[in-house]
Amino acid sequence: MIRLALLRHGHTAWNRDHRIQGRTDIPLDDEAVTGLRALRLPAPWDDAQLWSSPLQRAAQTAELVAGRVPRTDPALMEMDWGQWEGQHGTDLRADPASGFRDIEDWGWDYTPPGGESPAHLRARLVSWANALTRDSVAVCHIGVMRVLLAHATGRGFDGPTPFSVKRHRLFVISVSTTGWSFDDTPVRLEARP
């Protein structure tokens, strides 16, 4: 059994402006950098293998909280939101022609225009996670985390999630050939001394 701890990247200007980021490569904002410099991974996660999405907001977060450069893998990139990237969900929701749905109403197979479905994202993530050979931390994105947590808990990708994906917390999944499970008690990052 391998344990995989998921950590959401820090804030960007687009997060604070409530824009859909997807694969658009937005860096952390100054406030996030300052806040993350004051935090670190708690033991035993500080010695785990460190991974991140190749998008700079995730790689920057990983390096700041771990004090080392992460390995990156494209499997950990955020879901492709296609034509909706850079836009506001409230504007898209107000336009019936947009086809916009809140992610809680997607199910596994819904695909935003020009984007990718949660099922497609799940296929690449499960393959990546099943290949891990030791306990790992993956700094990634909320879409990635929602998909992995839904897979680990066996829930469908529709309706409100039974957990809230907050920043500065590790969400730990156990990955094995006999199945996945989720420890629903997040582990907080620690303050640096």
N, C-alpha and C. Protein backbone atom coordinates (compact mmCIF):
# COMPACT_ATOMS: atom_id res chain seq x y z
N MET A 1 0.84 -1.19 0.00
CA MET A 1 0.00 0.00 0.00
C MET A 1 0.89 1.25 0.00
N ILE A 2 0.53 2.20 -0.83
CA ILE A 2 1.21 3.49 -0.92
C ILE A 2 0.25 4.55 -0.42
N ARG A 3 0.78 5.50 0.35
CA ARG A 3 -0.05 6.64 0.76
C ARG A 3 0.30 7.84 -0.11
N LEU A 4 -0.73 8.52 -0.55
CA LEU A 4 -0.59 9.70 -1.41
C LEU A 4 -1.28 10.87 -0.72
N ALA A 5 -0.51 11.91 -0.39
CA ALA A 5 -1.06 13.12 0.24
C ALA A 5 -1.20 14.19 -0.83
N LEU A 6 -2.39 14.71 -0.97
CA LEU A 6 -2.70 15.73 -1.96
C LEU A 6 -2.74 17.10 -1.30
N LEU A 7 -2.10 18.07 -1.93
CA LEU A 7 -2.08 19.45 -1.43
C LEU A 7 -2.48 20.39 -2.55
N ARG A 8 -3.45 21.24 -2.28
CA ARG A 8 -3.88 22.23 -3.27
C ARG A 8 -2.87 23.38 -3.32
N HIS A 9 -2.59 23.84 -4.52
CA HIS A 9 -1.67 24.97 -4.70
C HIS A 9 -2.20 26.23 -4.02
N GLY A 10 -1.29 27.21 -3.80
CA GLY A 10 -1.67 28.48 -3.21
C GLY A 10 -2.48 29.35 -4.18
N HIS A 11 -2.94 30.47 -3.67
CA HIS A 11 -3.78 31.40 -4.45
C HIS A 11 -3.01 32.07 -5.59
N THR A 12 -3.77 32.34 -6.64
CA THR A 12 -3.28 33.16 -7.75
C THR A 12 -4.22 34.35 -7.89
N ALA A 13 -3.83 35.30 -8.73
CA ALA A 13 -4.72 36.44 -8.99
C ALA A 13 -6.05 35.97 -9.57
N TRP A 14 -6.02 34.94 -10.41
CA TRP A 14 -7.27 34.43 -10.99
C TRP A 14 -8.13 33.75 -9.93
N ASN A 15 -7.53 33.05 -8.97
CA ASN A 15 -8.33 32.48 -7.87
C ASN A 15 -9.08 33.59 -7.15
N ARG A 16 -8.35 34.63 -6.81
CA ARG A 16 -8.95 35.72 -6.03
C ARG A 16 -10.03 36.47 -6.83
N ASP A 17 -9.90 36.45 -8.16
CA ASP A 17 -10.89 37.09 -9.02
C ASP A 17 -12.00 36.12 -9.45
N HIS A 18 -11.95 34.89 -8.94
CA HIS A 18 -12.97 33.87 -9.23
C HIS A 18 -13.04 33.53 -10.72
N ARG A 19 -11.87 33.50 -11.37
CA ARG A 19 -11.80 33.09 -12.77
C ARG A 19 -11.50 31.59 -12.85
N ILE A 20 -12.00 30.96 -13.88
CA ILE A 20 -11.70 29.55 -14.13
C ILE A 20 -10.29 29.47 -14.70
N GLN A 21 -9.39 28.74 -14.03
CA GLN A 21 -8.00 28.67 -14.47
C GLN A 21 -7.73 27.50 -15.39
N GLY A 22 -8.16 26.31 -15.00
CA GLY A 22 -7.86 25.14 -15.81
C GLY A 22 -6.37 25.01 -16.04
N ARG A 23 -5.98 24.89 -17.29
CA ARG A 23 -4.57 24.70 -17.64
C ARG A 23 -3.83 26.01 -17.93
N THR A 24 -4.52 27.14 -17.82
CA THR A 24 -3.85 28.41 -18.01
C THR A 24 -2.80 28.55 -16.90
N ASP A 25 -1.57 28.85 -17.28
CA ASP A 25 -0.44 28.77 -16.35
C ASP A 25 -0.23 30.09 -15.62
N ILE A 26 -1.00 30.27 -14.54
CA ILE A 26 -0.98 31.49 -13.74
C ILE A 26 -0.07 31.27 -12.52
N PRO A 27 0.86 32.19 -12.22
CA PRO A 27 1.73 32.02 -11.05
C PRO A 27 1.00 32.35 -9.75
N LEU A 28 1.60 31.94 -8.64
CA LEU A 28 1.10 32.36 -7.33
C LEU A 28 1.17 33.87 -7.21
N ASP A 29 0.26 34.46 -6.45
CA ASP A 29 0.37 35.89 -6.20
C ASP A 29 1.31 36.12 -5.01
N ASP A 30 1.70 37.38 -4.79
CA ASP A 30 2.68 37.70 -3.75
C ASP A 30 2.21 37.29 -2.36
N GLU A 31 0.93 37.48 -2.09
CA GLU A 31 0.40 37.12 -0.78
C GLU A 31 0.52 35.61 -0.53
N ALA A 32 0.25 34.82 -1.56
CA ALA A 32 0.37 33.36 -1.43
C ALA A 32 1.82 32.96 -1.18
N VAL A 33 2.75 33.57 -1.92
CA VAL A 33 4.17 33.25 -1.74
C VAL A 33 4.60 33.54 -0.31
N THR A 34 4.23 34.71 0.20
CA THR A 34 4.58 35.09 1.58
C THR A 34 4.00 34.09 2.58
N GLY A 35 2.74 33.75 2.42
CA GLY A 35 2.10 32.81 3.33
C GLY A 35 2.70 31.41 3.28
N LEU A 36 3.00 30.93 2.08
CA LEU A 36 3.55 29.59 1.93
C LEU A 36 4.99 29.49 2.45
N ARG A 37 5.74 30.57 2.37
CA ARG A 37 7.11 30.56 2.92
C ARG A 37 7.11 30.30 4.42
N ALA A 38 6.01 30.60 5.08
CA ALA A 38 5.92 30.42 6.54
C ALA A 38 5.45 29.02 6.92
N LEU A 39 5.19 28.16 5.93
CA LEU A 39 4.66 26.82 6.20
C LEU A 39 5.62 25.74 5.70
N ARG A 40 5.42 24.53 6.23
CA ARG A 40 6.22 23.40 5.76
C ARG A 40 5.40 22.13 5.88
N LEU A 41 5.87 21.09 5.18
CA LEU A 41 5.24 19.79 5.29
C LEU A 41 5.55 19.18 6.65
N PRO A 42 4.55 18.61 7.32
CA PRO A 42 4.82 17.94 8.60
C PRO A 42 5.42 16.56 8.37
N ALA A 43 6.08 16.02 9.40
CA ALA A 43 6.58 14.65 9.33
C ALA A 43 5.38 13.70 9.31
N PRO A 44 5.45 12.59 8.63
CA PRO A 44 6.55 12.06 7.84
C PRO A 44 6.54 12.54 6.39
N TRP A 45 5.61 13.45 6.08
CA TRP A 45 5.44 13.89 4.69
C TRP A 45 6.62 14.71 4.19
N ASP A 46 7.40 15.27 5.08
CA ASP A 46 8.57 16.06 4.66
C ASP A 46 9.65 15.19 4.01
N ASP A 47 9.59 13.86 4.24
CA ASP A 47 10.55 12.94 3.61
C ASP A 47 9.93 12.14 2.47
N ALA A 48 8.69 12.36 2.17
CA ALA A 48 8.01 11.62 1.09
C ALA A 48 8.51 12.12 -0.26
N GLN A 49 8.29 11.30 -1.27
CA GLN A 49 8.61 11.74 -2.62
C GLN A 49 7.70 12.92 -2.95
N LEU A 50 8.27 13.95 -3.59
CA LEU A 50 7.53 15.18 -3.85
C LEU A 50 7.22 15.31 -5.34
N TRP A 51 5.95 15.45 -5.64
CA TRP A 51 5.45 15.60 -7.02
C TRP A 51 4.65 16.89 -7.11
N SER A 52 4.55 17.40 -8.33
CA SER A 52 3.59 18.48 -8.57
C SER A 52 3.18 18.46 -10.03
N SER A 53 2.09 19.15 -10.27
CA SER A 53 1.69 19.48 -11.62
C SER A 53 2.79 20.33 -12.22
N PRO A 54 3.00 20.29 -13.54
CA PRO A 54 3.99 21.17 -14.15
C PRO A 54 3.57 22.64 -14.21
N LEU A 55 2.31 22.93 -13.92
CA LEU A 55 1.87 24.33 -13.93
C LEU A 55 2.56 25.07 -12.77
N GLN A 56 3.02 26.29 -13.04
CA GLN A 56 3.88 26.98 -12.08
C GLN A 56 3.25 27.22 -10.72
N ARG A 57 1.95 27.41 -10.63
CA ARG A 57 1.34 27.64 -9.32
C ARG A 57 1.49 26.42 -8.41
N ALA A 58 1.46 25.22 -8.97
CA ALA A 58 1.64 24.01 -8.18
C ALA A 58 3.11 23.77 -7.87
N ALA A 59 3.97 23.90 -8.88
CA ALA A 59 5.41 23.67 -8.67
C ALA A 59 5.98 24.68 -7.66
N GLN A 60 5.54 25.94 -7.73
CA GLN A 60 5.99 26.96 -6.77
C GLN A 60 5.54 26.59 -5.36
N THR A 61 4.30 26.17 -5.21
CA THR A 61 3.78 25.78 -3.89
C THR A 61 4.60 24.63 -3.33
N ALA A 62 4.87 23.63 -4.14
CA ALA A 62 5.63 22.47 -3.68
C ALA A 62 7.01 22.88 -3.19
N GLU A 63 7.70 23.69 -3.96
CA GLU A 63 9.05 24.10 -3.57
C GLU A 63 9.04 24.95 -2.30
N LEU A 64 8.04 25.80 -2.16
CA LEU A 64 7.97 26.67 -0.98
C LEU A 64 7.73 25.87 0.30
N VAL A 65 6.83 24.89 0.27
CA VAL A 65 6.50 24.17 1.50
C VAL A 65 7.44 23.01 1.78
N ALA A 66 8.16 22.54 0.76
CA ALA A 66 9.06 21.39 0.95
C ALA A 66 10.53 21.79 0.97
N GLY A 67 10.85 22.97 0.44
CA GLY A 67 12.25 23.40 0.41
C GLY A 67 13.08 22.64 -0.60
N ARG A 68 12.42 22.04 -1.59
CA ARG A 68 13.13 21.31 -2.65
C ARG A 68 12.28 21.31 -3.91
N VAL A 69 12.92 21.06 -5.01
CA VAL A 69 12.23 21.08 -6.31
C VAL A 69 11.47 19.77 -6.48
N PRO A 70 10.19 19.84 -6.84
CA PRO A 70 9.40 18.61 -7.02
C PRO A 70 9.67 17.97 -8.38
N ARG A 71 9.35 16.69 -8.45
CA ARG A 71 9.24 16.02 -9.75
C ARG A 71 7.88 16.44 -10.32
N THR A 72 7.81 16.69 -11.60
CA THR A 72 6.53 17.07 -12.19
C THR A 72 6.05 15.97 -13.14
N ASP A 73 4.75 15.91 -13.30
CA ASP A 73 4.17 14.95 -14.23
C ASP A 73 2.92 15.59 -14.84
N PRO A 74 2.78 15.52 -16.17
CA PRO A 74 1.60 16.11 -16.81
C PRO A 74 0.28 15.48 -16.38
N ALA A 75 0.33 14.26 -15.83
CA ALA A 75 -0.90 13.63 -15.34
C ALA A 75 -1.54 14.47 -14.25
N LEU A 76 -0.74 15.26 -13.52
CA LEU A 76 -1.24 16.06 -12.39
C LEU A 76 -1.76 17.44 -12.81
N MET A 77 -1.73 17.74 -14.11
CA MET A 77 -2.25 19.04 -14.56
C MET A 77 -3.74 19.13 -14.29
N GLU A 78 -4.18 20.35 -14.09
CA GLU A 78 -5.60 20.60 -13.85
C GLU A 78 -6.42 20.14 -15.06
N MET A 79 -7.67 19.86 -14.80
CA MET A 79 -8.61 19.53 -15.85
C MET A 79 -8.65 20.66 -16.88
N ASP A 80 -8.77 20.30 -18.12
CA ASP A 80 -8.87 21.28 -19.20
C ASP A 80 -10.32 21.78 -19.26
N TRP A 81 -10.49 23.06 -18.96
CA TRP A 81 -11.83 23.66 -18.97
C TRP A 81 -12.16 24.30 -20.32
N GLY A 82 -11.31 24.10 -21.31
CA GLY A 82 -11.60 24.52 -22.67
C GLY A 82 -11.93 26.00 -22.79
N GLN A 83 -13.04 26.28 -23.47
CA GLN A 83 -13.44 27.66 -23.77
C GLN A 83 -13.83 28.46 -22.53
N TRP A 84 -14.00 27.80 -21.41
CA TRP A 84 -14.40 28.51 -20.19
C TRP A 84 -13.23 29.07 -19.41
N GLU A 85 -12.00 28.69 -19.75
CA GLU A 85 -10.84 29.17 -19.00
C GLU A 85 -10.72 30.70 -19.12
N GLY A 86 -10.43 31.32 -17.99
CA GLY A 86 -10.29 32.77 -17.93
C GLY A 86 -11.60 33.50 -17.70
N GLN A 87 -12.70 32.78 -17.75
CA GLN A 87 -14.01 33.40 -17.58
C GLN A 87 -14.52 33.21 -16.15
N HIS A 88 -15.57 33.93 -15.84
CA HIS A 88 -16.22 33.83 -14.54
C HIS A 88 -17.41 32.88 -14.64
N GLY A 89 -17.51 31.96 -13.69
CA GLY A 89 -18.65 31.04 -13.67
C GLY A 89 -19.98 31.77 -13.59
N THR A 90 -20.02 32.88 -12.86
CA THR A 90 -21.29 33.62 -12.73
C THR A 90 -21.74 34.17 -14.09
N ASP A 91 -20.79 34.64 -14.90
CA ASP A 91 -21.14 35.15 -16.24
C ASP A 91 -21.61 34.01 -17.15
N LEU A 92 -20.89 32.88 -17.09
CA LEU A 92 -21.27 31.73 -17.91
C LEU A 92 -22.64 31.18 -17.49
N ARG A 93 -22.89 31.12 -16.20
CA ARG A 93 -24.16 30.62 -15.68
C ARG A 93 -25.32 31.50 -16.16
N ALA A 94 -25.07 32.80 -16.28
CA ALA A 94 -26.12 33.75 -16.70
C ALA A 94 -26.42 33.65 -18.20
N ASP A 95 -25.56 32.98 -18.96
CA ASP A 95 -25.74 32.85 -20.41
C ASP A 95 -26.20 31.43 -20.74
N PRO A 96 -27.49 31.22 -21.01
CA PRO A 96 -27.98 29.87 -21.27
C PRO A 96 -27.29 29.19 -22.46
N ALA A 97 -26.78 29.97 -23.38
CA ALA A 97 -26.11 29.39 -24.56
C ALA A 97 -24.73 28.82 -24.24
N SER A 98 -24.18 29.15 -23.08
CA SER A 98 -22.82 28.69 -22.75
C SER A 98 -22.76 27.20 -22.44
N GLY A 99 -23.89 26.63 -21.99
CA GLY A 99 -23.89 25.23 -21.58
C GLY A 99 -23.23 25.01 -20.23
N PHE A 100 -22.94 26.10 -19.52
CA PHE A 100 -22.21 25.99 -18.25
C PHE A 100 -23.01 25.22 -17.21
N ARG A 101 -22.27 24.38 -16.49
CA ARG A 101 -22.80 23.68 -15.32
C ARG A 101 -21.77 23.81 -14.21
N ASP A 102 -22.24 23.93 -12.99
CA ASP A 102 -21.32 23.85 -11.86
C ASP A 102 -20.75 22.44 -11.84
N ILE A 103 -19.50 22.30 -11.42
CA ILE A 103 -18.82 21.01 -11.47
C ILE A 103 -19.57 19.93 -10.69
N GLU A 104 -20.31 20.31 -9.67
CA GLU A 104 -21.08 19.34 -8.88
C GLU A 104 -22.18 18.70 -9.71
N ASP A 105 -22.52 19.29 -10.85
CA ASP A 105 -23.59 18.77 -11.70
C ASP A 105 -23.07 18.12 -12.99
N TRP A 106 -21.79 17.80 -13.03
CA TRP A 106 -21.20 17.25 -14.26
C TRP A 106 -21.43 15.76 -14.41
N GLY A 107 -21.25 14.99 -13.33
CA GLY A 107 -21.13 13.55 -13.50
C GLY A 107 -19.75 13.26 -14.11
N TRP A 108 -19.44 12.01 -14.30
CA TRP A 108 -18.11 11.65 -14.82
C TRP A 108 -17.91 12.04 -16.28
N ASP A 109 -18.98 12.11 -17.06
CA ASP A 109 -18.81 12.22 -18.51
C ASP A 109 -19.08 13.59 -19.12
N TYR A 110 -19.50 14.57 -18.34
CA TYR A 110 -19.74 15.90 -18.90
C TYR A 110 -18.40 16.52 -19.30
N THR A 111 -18.40 17.22 -20.43
CA THR A 111 -17.19 17.86 -20.93
C THR A 111 -17.50 19.31 -21.28
N PRO A 112 -16.76 20.28 -20.70
CA PRO A 112 -16.97 21.66 -21.11
C PRO A 112 -16.52 21.83 -22.57
N PRO A 113 -17.06 22.82 -23.29
CA PRO A 113 -16.70 23.00 -24.70
C PRO A 113 -15.18 23.11 -24.89
N GLY A 114 -14.63 22.18 -25.66
CA GLY A 114 -13.19 22.19 -25.94
C GLY A 114 -12.34 21.71 -24.79
N GLY A 115 -12.95 21.15 -23.73
CA GLY A 115 -12.21 20.74 -22.54
C GLY A 115 -12.15 19.24 -22.38
N GLU A 116 -12.06 18.79 -21.12
CA GLU A 116 -11.98 17.36 -20.84
C GLU A 116 -12.94 17.00 -19.72
N SER A 117 -13.39 15.77 -19.74
CA SER A 117 -14.34 15.29 -18.73
C SER A 117 -13.60 14.80 -17.49
N PRO A 118 -14.29 14.74 -16.35
CA PRO A 118 -13.70 14.13 -15.16
C PRO A 118 -13.27 12.67 -15.40
N ALA A 119 -14.01 11.94 -16.23
CA ALA A 119 -13.64 10.55 -16.53
C ALA A 119 -12.29 10.49 -17.22
N HIS A 120 -12.04 11.40 -18.14
CA HIS A 120 -10.75 11.44 -18.84
C HIS A 120 -9.64 11.78 -17.85
N LEU A 121 -9.89 12.75 -17.00
CA LEU A 121 -8.92 13.13 -15.98
C LEU A 121 -8.65 11.95 -15.04
N ARG A 122 -9.71 11.26 -14.63
CA ARG A 122 -9.55 10.11 -13.74
C ARG A 122 -8.66 9.04 -14.38
N ALA A 123 -8.84 8.78 -15.65
CA ALA A 123 -8.04 7.73 -16.32
C ALA A 123 -6.54 8.04 -16.21
N ARG A 124 -6.16 9.29 -16.47
CA ARG A 124 -4.73 9.59 -16.40
C ARG A 124 -4.21 9.65 -14.97
N LEU A 125 -5.04 10.09 -14.03
CA LEU A 125 -4.61 10.18 -12.64
C LEU A 125 -4.48 8.82 -11.97
N VAL A 126 -5.43 7.94 -12.19
CA VAL A 126 -5.39 6.61 -11.58
C VAL A 126 -4.19 5.83 -12.10
N SER A 127 -3.93 5.93 -13.38
CA SER A 127 -2.75 5.27 -13.95
C SER A 127 -1.47 5.79 -13.30
N TRP A 128 -1.37 7.11 -13.13
CA TRP A 128 -0.19 7.71 -12.50
C TRP A 128 -0.06 7.25 -11.04
N ALA A 129 -1.14 7.32 -10.28
CA ALA A 129 -1.09 6.96 -8.86
C ALA A 129 -0.78 5.48 -8.65
N ASN A 130 -1.32 4.63 -9.50
CA ASN A 130 -1.06 3.19 -9.36
C ASN A 130 0.40 2.84 -9.66
N ALA A 131 1.13 3.72 -10.32
CA ALA A 131 2.54 3.48 -10.63
C ALA A 131 3.49 3.98 -9.53
N LEU A 132 2.96 4.67 -8.51
CA LEU A 132 3.83 5.16 -7.44
C LEU A 132 4.47 3.99 -6.70
N THR A 133 5.71 4.19 -6.27
CA THR A 133 6.44 3.11 -5.59
C THR A 133 6.73 3.43 -4.13
N ARG A 134 6.41 4.64 -3.69
CA ARG A 134 6.61 5.00 -2.28
C ARG A 134 5.64 6.10 -1.89
N ASP A 135 5.52 6.34 -0.59
CA ASP A 135 4.64 7.41 -0.12
C ASP A 135 5.04 8.72 -0.78
N SER A 136 4.04 9.49 -1.18
CA SER A 136 4.29 10.69 -1.97
C SER A 136 3.35 11.81 -1.57
N VAL A 137 3.82 13.03 -1.81
CA VAL A 137 3.01 14.24 -1.73
C VAL A 137 2.87 14.76 -3.15
N ALA A 138 1.64 15.09 -3.55
CA ALA A 138 1.40 15.67 -4.87
C ALA A 138 0.74 17.02 -4.69
N VAL A 139 1.41 18.08 -5.13
CA VAL A 139 0.83 19.42 -5.10
C VAL A 139 0.13 19.62 -6.43
N CYS A 140 -1.16 19.87 -6.37
CA CYS A 140 -1.94 19.88 -7.60
C CYS A 140 -3.09 20.88 -7.51
N HIS A 141 -4.19 20.56 -8.12
CA HIS A 141 -5.29 21.49 -8.35
C HIS A 141 -6.58 20.92 -7.78
N ILE A 142 -7.55 21.79 -7.53
CA ILE A 142 -8.80 21.35 -6.92
C ILE A 142 -9.54 20.33 -7.80
N GLY A 143 -9.52 20.51 -9.11
CA GLY A 143 -10.18 19.53 -9.99
C GLY A 143 -9.54 18.16 -9.89
N VAL A 144 -8.21 18.13 -9.85
CA VAL A 144 -7.46 16.88 -9.70
C VAL A 144 -7.82 16.23 -8.36
N MET A 145 -7.84 17.04 -7.32
CA MET A 145 -8.14 16.51 -5.99
C MET A 145 -9.57 15.98 -5.91
N ARG A 146 -10.53 16.70 -6.48
CA ARG A 146 -11.92 16.24 -6.45
C ARG A 146 -12.05 14.88 -7.15
N VAL A 147 -11.38 14.73 -8.29
CA VAL A 147 -11.46 13.48 -9.04
C VAL A 147 -10.82 12.34 -8.25
N LEU A 148 -9.60 12.56 -7.71
CA LEU A 148 -8.94 11.50 -6.95
C LEU A 148 -9.71 11.13 -5.68
N LEU A 149 -10.24 12.13 -4.99
CA LEU A 149 -11.01 11.85 -3.77
C LEU A 149 -12.33 11.14 -4.09
N ALA A 150 -12.97 11.51 -5.19
CA ALA A 150 -14.19 10.81 -5.60
C ALA A 150 -13.88 9.36 -5.94
N HIS A 151 -12.78 9.13 -6.64
CA HIS A 151 -12.38 7.77 -6.98
C HIS A 151 -12.09 6.96 -5.71
N ALA A 152 -11.36 7.56 -4.78
CA ALA A 152 -10.97 6.85 -3.54
C ALA A 152 -12.17 6.52 -2.66
N THR A 153 -13.19 7.36 -2.69
CA THR A 153 -14.36 7.13 -1.84
C THR A 153 -15.46 6.34 -2.57
N GLY A 154 -15.29 6.13 -3.86
CA GLY A 154 -16.28 5.37 -4.61
C GLY A 154 -17.55 6.14 -4.90
N ARG A 155 -17.50 7.44 -4.77
CA ARG A 155 -18.70 8.24 -5.03
C ARG A 155 -18.74 8.69 -6.48
N GLY A 156 -19.92 8.94 -6.98
CA GLY A 156 -20.06 9.48 -8.33
C GLY A 156 -19.58 10.91 -8.36
N PHE A 157 -19.34 11.41 -9.52
CA PHE A 157 -18.86 12.78 -9.66
C PHE A 157 -20.05 13.71 -9.91
N ASP A 158 -21.02 13.65 -9.01
CA ASP A 158 -22.17 14.55 -9.10
C ASP A 158 -22.72 14.78 -7.70
N GLY A 159 -23.37 15.90 -7.55
CA GLY A 159 -23.89 16.28 -6.24
C GLY A 159 -22.82 16.91 -5.38
N PRO A 160 -23.21 17.49 -4.27
CA PRO A 160 -22.24 18.15 -3.40
C PRO A 160 -21.22 17.15 -2.85
N THR A 161 -19.98 17.57 -2.75
CA THR A 161 -18.94 16.70 -2.21
C THR A 161 -19.08 16.62 -0.69
N PRO A 162 -18.77 15.46 -0.11
CA PRO A 162 -18.87 15.32 1.33
C PRO A 162 -17.64 15.87 2.07
N PHE A 163 -16.74 16.52 1.34
CA PHE A 163 -15.54 17.08 1.94
C PHE A 163 -15.25 18.42 1.27
N SER A 164 -14.57 19.28 1.98
CA SER A 164 -14.19 20.58 1.45
C SER A 164 -12.68 20.58 1.22
N VAL A 165 -12.26 20.89 0.00
CA VAL A 165 -10.84 20.89 -0.34
C VAL A 165 -10.26 22.26 -0.01
N LYS A 166 -9.71 22.36 1.20
CA LYS A 166 -9.13 23.63 1.66
C LYS A 166 -7.63 23.64 1.41
N ARG A 167 -7.10 24.84 1.36
CA ARG A 167 -5.65 24.99 1.18
C ARG A 167 -4.92 24.72 2.50
N HIS A 168 -3.61 24.48 2.37
CA HIS A 168 -2.71 24.28 3.51
C HIS A 168 -3.02 23.00 4.29
N ARG A 169 -3.67 22.04 3.63
CA ARG A 169 -4.00 20.76 4.25
C ARG A 169 -3.66 19.63 3.29
N LEU A 170 -3.17 18.53 3.86
CA LEU A 170 -2.91 17.33 3.08
C LEU A 170 -4.11 16.41 3.18
N PHE A 171 -4.59 15.93 2.05
CA PHE A 171 -5.69 14.98 1.98
C PHE A 171 -5.08 13.64 1.57
N VAL A 172 -5.14 12.66 2.47
CA VAL A 172 -4.37 11.43 2.31
C VAL A 172 -5.24 10.29 1.77
N ILE A 173 -4.75 9.70 0.69
CA ILE A 173 -5.39 8.56 0.04
C ILE A 173 -4.44 7.36 0.16
N SER A 174 -5.00 6.20 0.43
CA SER A 174 -4.22 4.96 0.40
C SER A 174 -4.50 4.28 -0.94
N VAL A 175 -3.44 3.94 -1.65
CA VAL A 175 -3.55 3.35 -2.99
C VAL A 175 -2.97 1.94 -2.93
N SER A 176 -3.77 0.96 -3.31
CA SER A 176 -3.26 -0.41 -3.36
C SER A 176 -3.92 -1.16 -4.50
N THR A 177 -3.39 -2.32 -4.81
CA THR A 177 -3.95 -3.13 -5.90
C THR A 177 -5.33 -3.67 -5.53
N THR A 178 -5.65 -3.69 -4.25
CA THR A 178 -6.97 -4.20 -3.84
C THR A 178 -8.01 -3.09 -3.69
N GLY A 179 -7.60 -1.84 -3.90
CA GLY A 179 -8.54 -0.73 -3.82
C GLY A 179 -7.94 0.49 -3.15
N TRP A 180 -8.67 1.57 -3.23
CA TRP A 180 -8.25 2.84 -2.67
C TRP A 180 -9.14 3.19 -1.48
N SER A 181 -8.59 3.99 -0.58
CA SER A 181 -9.40 4.52 0.51
C SER A 181 -8.92 5.93 0.84
N PHE A 182 -9.75 6.64 1.57
CA PHE A 182 -9.48 8.03 1.91
C PHE A 182 -9.58 8.22 3.40
N ASP A 183 -8.52 8.78 4.00
CA ASP A 183 -8.55 9.15 5.41
C ASP A 183 -9.16 10.55 5.47
N ASP A 184 -10.37 10.66 5.96
CA ASP A 184 -11.08 11.94 5.85
C ASP A 184 -10.69 12.98 6.90
N THR A 185 -9.54 12.79 7.54
CA THR A 185 -9.04 13.80 8.47
C THR A 185 -7.82 14.48 7.85
N PRO A 186 -7.99 15.67 7.27
CA PRO A 186 -6.84 16.35 6.64
C PRO A 186 -5.73 16.65 7.65
N VAL A 187 -4.51 16.69 7.15
CA VAL A 187 -3.33 16.99 7.95
C VAL A 187 -2.89 18.41 7.60
N ARG A 188 -2.82 19.28 8.60
CA ARG A 188 -2.44 20.68 8.36
C ARG A 188 -0.94 20.81 8.12
N LEU A 189 -0.58 21.74 7.25
CA LEU A 189 0.82 22.12 7.13
C LEU A 189 1.25 22.77 8.45
N GLU A 190 2.54 22.71 8.76
CA GLU A 190 3.05 23.27 10.00
C GLU A 190 3.68 24.64 9.77
N ALA A 191 3.67 25.45 10.79
CA ALA A 191 4.40 26.73 10.74
C ALA A 191 5.89 26.45 10.82
N ARG A 192 6.65 27.18 10.03
CA ARG A 192 8.11 27.05 10.12
C ARG A 192 8.58 27.68 11.43
N PRO A 193 9.58 27.04 12.09
CA PRO A 193 10.09 27.63 13.34
C PRO A 193 10.83 28.93 13.08
